[in-house]
C-alpha atoms as a PDB file:
ATOM      1  CA  MET A   1     -11.781  23.731 -37.182  1.00  0.00           C
ATOM      2  CA  SER A   2     -11.568  20.043 -37.872  1.00  0.00           C
ATOM      3  CA  PHE A   3     -10.198  17.336 -35.578  1.00  0.00           C
ATOM      4  CA  SER A   4      -7.003  17.065 -37.725  1.00  0.00           C
ATOM      5  CA  GLU A   5      -6.270  20.740 -37.148  1.00  0.00           C
ATOM      6  CA  VAL A   6      -6.899  20.558 -33.455  1.00  0.00           C
ATOM      7  CA  PHE A   7      -4.706  17.454 -33.313  1.00  0.00           C
ATOM      8  CA  ALA A   8      -1.916  19.250 -35.110  1.00  0.00           C
ATOM      9  CA  ILE A   9      -2.017  22.221 -32.781  1.00  0.00           C
ATOM     10  CA  LEU A  10      -2.084  20.014 -29.637  1.00  0.00           C
ATOM     11  CA  LYS A  11       0.909  18.006 -30.996  1.00  0.00           C
ATOM     12  CA  SER A  12       2.907  21.273 -31.603  1.00  0.00           C
ATOM     13  CA  VAL A  13       2.050  22.570 -28.061  1.00  0.00           C
ATOM     14  CA  ILE A  14       2.801  19.302 -26.249  1.00  0.00           C
ATOM     15  CA  PHE A  15       6.128  18.708 -28.014  1.00  0.00           C
ATOM     16  CA  ASP A  16       7.318  22.227 -27.574  1.00  0.00           C
ATOM     17  CA  TRP A  17      10.620  22.355 -25.578  1.00  0.00           C
ATOM     18  CA  ARG A  18       9.371  25.002 -23.163  1.00  0.00           C
ATOM     19  CA  VAL A  19       6.235  22.874 -22.305  1.00  0.00           C
ATOM     20  CA  ILE A  20       8.452  19.840 -21.694  1.00  0.00           C
ATOM     21  CA  PHE A  21      10.892  21.815 -19.655  1.00  0.00           C
ATOM     22  CA  ILE A  22       8.218  23.438 -17.451  1.00  0.00           C
ATOM     23  CA  THR A  23       6.477  19.986 -16.958  1.00  0.00           C
ATOM     24  CA  ILE A  24       9.652  18.350 -15.722  1.00  0.00           C
ATOM     25  CA  ALA A  25      10.549  21.301 -13.447  1.00  0.00           C
ATOM     26  CA  VAL A  26       7.031  21.229 -11.883  1.00  0.00           C
ATOM     27  CA  LEU A  27       7.205  17.435 -11.324  1.00  0.00           C
ATOM     28  CA  LEU A  28      10.693  17.715  -9.668  1.00  0.00           C
ATOM     29  CA  TYR A  29       9.394  20.606  -7.471  1.00  0.00           C
ATOM     30  CA  LEU A  30       6.305  18.602  -6.358  1.00  0.00           C
ATOM     31  CA  ASP A  31       8.478  15.645  -5.691  1.00  0.00           C
ATOM     32  CA  PHE A  32      10.843  17.696  -3.465  1.00  0.00           C
ATOM     33  CA  ILE A  33       7.870  19.185  -1.640  1.00  0.00           C
ATOM     34  CA  ALA A  34       6.451  15.634  -0.975  1.00  0.00           C
ATOM     35  CA  TYR A  35       9.931  14.670   0.383  1.00  0.00           C
ATOM     36  CA  VAL A  36      10.106  17.684   2.696  1.00  0.00           C
ATOM     37  CA  ILE A  37       6.634  16.987   4.073  1.00  0.00           C
ATOM     38  CA  LYS A  38       7.258  13.292   4.841  1.00  0.00           C
ATOM     39  CA  TYR A  39      10.921  13.815   6.100  1.00  0.00           C
ATOM     40  CA  ARG A  40      11.381  12.656   9.698  1.00  0.00           C
ATOM     41  CA  ARG A  41      14.613  13.330  11.436  1.00  0.00           C
ATOM     42  CA  LYS A  42      16.069  10.273  13.179  1.00  0.00           C
ATOM     43  CA  PRO A  43      16.086  10.703  16.990  1.00  0.00           C
ATOM     44  CA  LEU A  44      19.514  11.312  18.405  1.00  0.00           C
ATOM     45  CA  ARG A  45      21.000   8.428  20.366  1.00  0.00           C
ATOM     46  CA  GLN A  46      22.498   9.377  23.584  1.00  0.00           C
ATOM     47  CA  LYS A  47      25.978   8.001  24.006  1.00  0.00           C
ATOM     48  CA  VAL A  48      26.486   5.764  27.054  1.00  0.00           C
ATOM     49  CA  ARG A  49      29.398   6.999  29.033  1.00  0.00           C
ATOM     50  CA  LYS A  50      31.864   4.335  30.212  1.00  0.00           C
ATOM     51  CA  THR A  51      32.071   5.938  33.696  1.00  0.00           C
ATOM     52  CA  ALA A  52      28.329   5.684  34.178  1.00  0.00           C
ATOM     53  CA  VAL A  53      28.362   2.036  33.212  1.00  0.00           C
ATOM     54  CA  LYS A  54      31.330   1.224  35.453  1.00  0.00           C
ATOM     55  CA  ALA A  55      29.788   3.091  38.398  1.00  0.00           C
ATOM     56  CA  ALA A  56      26.475   1.262  38.071  1.00  0.00           C
ATOM     57  CA  SER A  57      27.917  -2.196  37.641  1.00  0.00           C
ATOM     58  CA  PRO A  58      29.986  -2.483  41.077  1.00  0.00           C
ATOM     59  CA  ALA A  59      26.899  -1.322  42.953  1.00  0.00           C
ATOM     60  CA  ALA A  60      24.764  -3.933  41.396  1.00  0.00           C
ATOM     61  CA  GLN A  61      27.317  -6.692  42.081  1.00  0.00           C
ATOM     62  CA  SER A  62      27.755  -5.752  45.769  1.00  0.00           C
ATOM     63  CA  ASP A  63      23.903  -5.970  46.280  1.00  0.00           C
ATOM     64  CA  VAL A  64      23.870  -9.445  44.875  1.00  0.00           C
ATOM     65  CA  SER A  65      26.763 -10.757  46.981  1.00  0.00           C
ATOM     66  CA  ILE A  66      25.225  -9.595  50.343  1.00  0.00           C
ATOM     67  CA  HIS A  67      22.887 -12.267  51.755  1.00  0.00           C
ATOM     68  CA  ASP A  68      21.822 -11.132  55.343  1.00  0.00           C
ATOM     69  CA  GLY A  69      25.444 -11.025  56.426  1.00  0.00           C
ATOM     70  CA  ASN A  70      25.924 -14.798  56.213  1.00  0.00           C
ATOM     71  CA  GLU A  71      27.965 -16.658  53.695  1.00  0.00           C
ATOM     72  CA  GLU A  72      26.434 -19.535  51.786  1.00  0.00           C
ATOM     73  CA  GLY A  73      28.990 -22.035  53.032  1.00  0.00           C
ATOM     74  CA  SER A  74      28.836 -21.218  56.754  1.00  0.00           C
ATOM     75  CA  LEU A  75      26.576 -22.913  59.164  1.00  0.00           C
ATOM     76  CA  ALA A  76      26.565 -20.159  61.788  1.00  0.00           C
END
């Protein structure tokens, strides 16, 4: 078998529609498997409730306004 005969057989095998179809199918399958392996689900963000924010802010403001029972403007 000469090189030209081997080349002709390889050419007919490589350009066969079944070989091309299977090659594309395998590549798509491997790409999908790589996507599944690398997939990371985004962490869920917890929603901040408005009642929790409102309840926390008045307490923080009242602590700041108290200074040993004395007002800043008084001399007593």
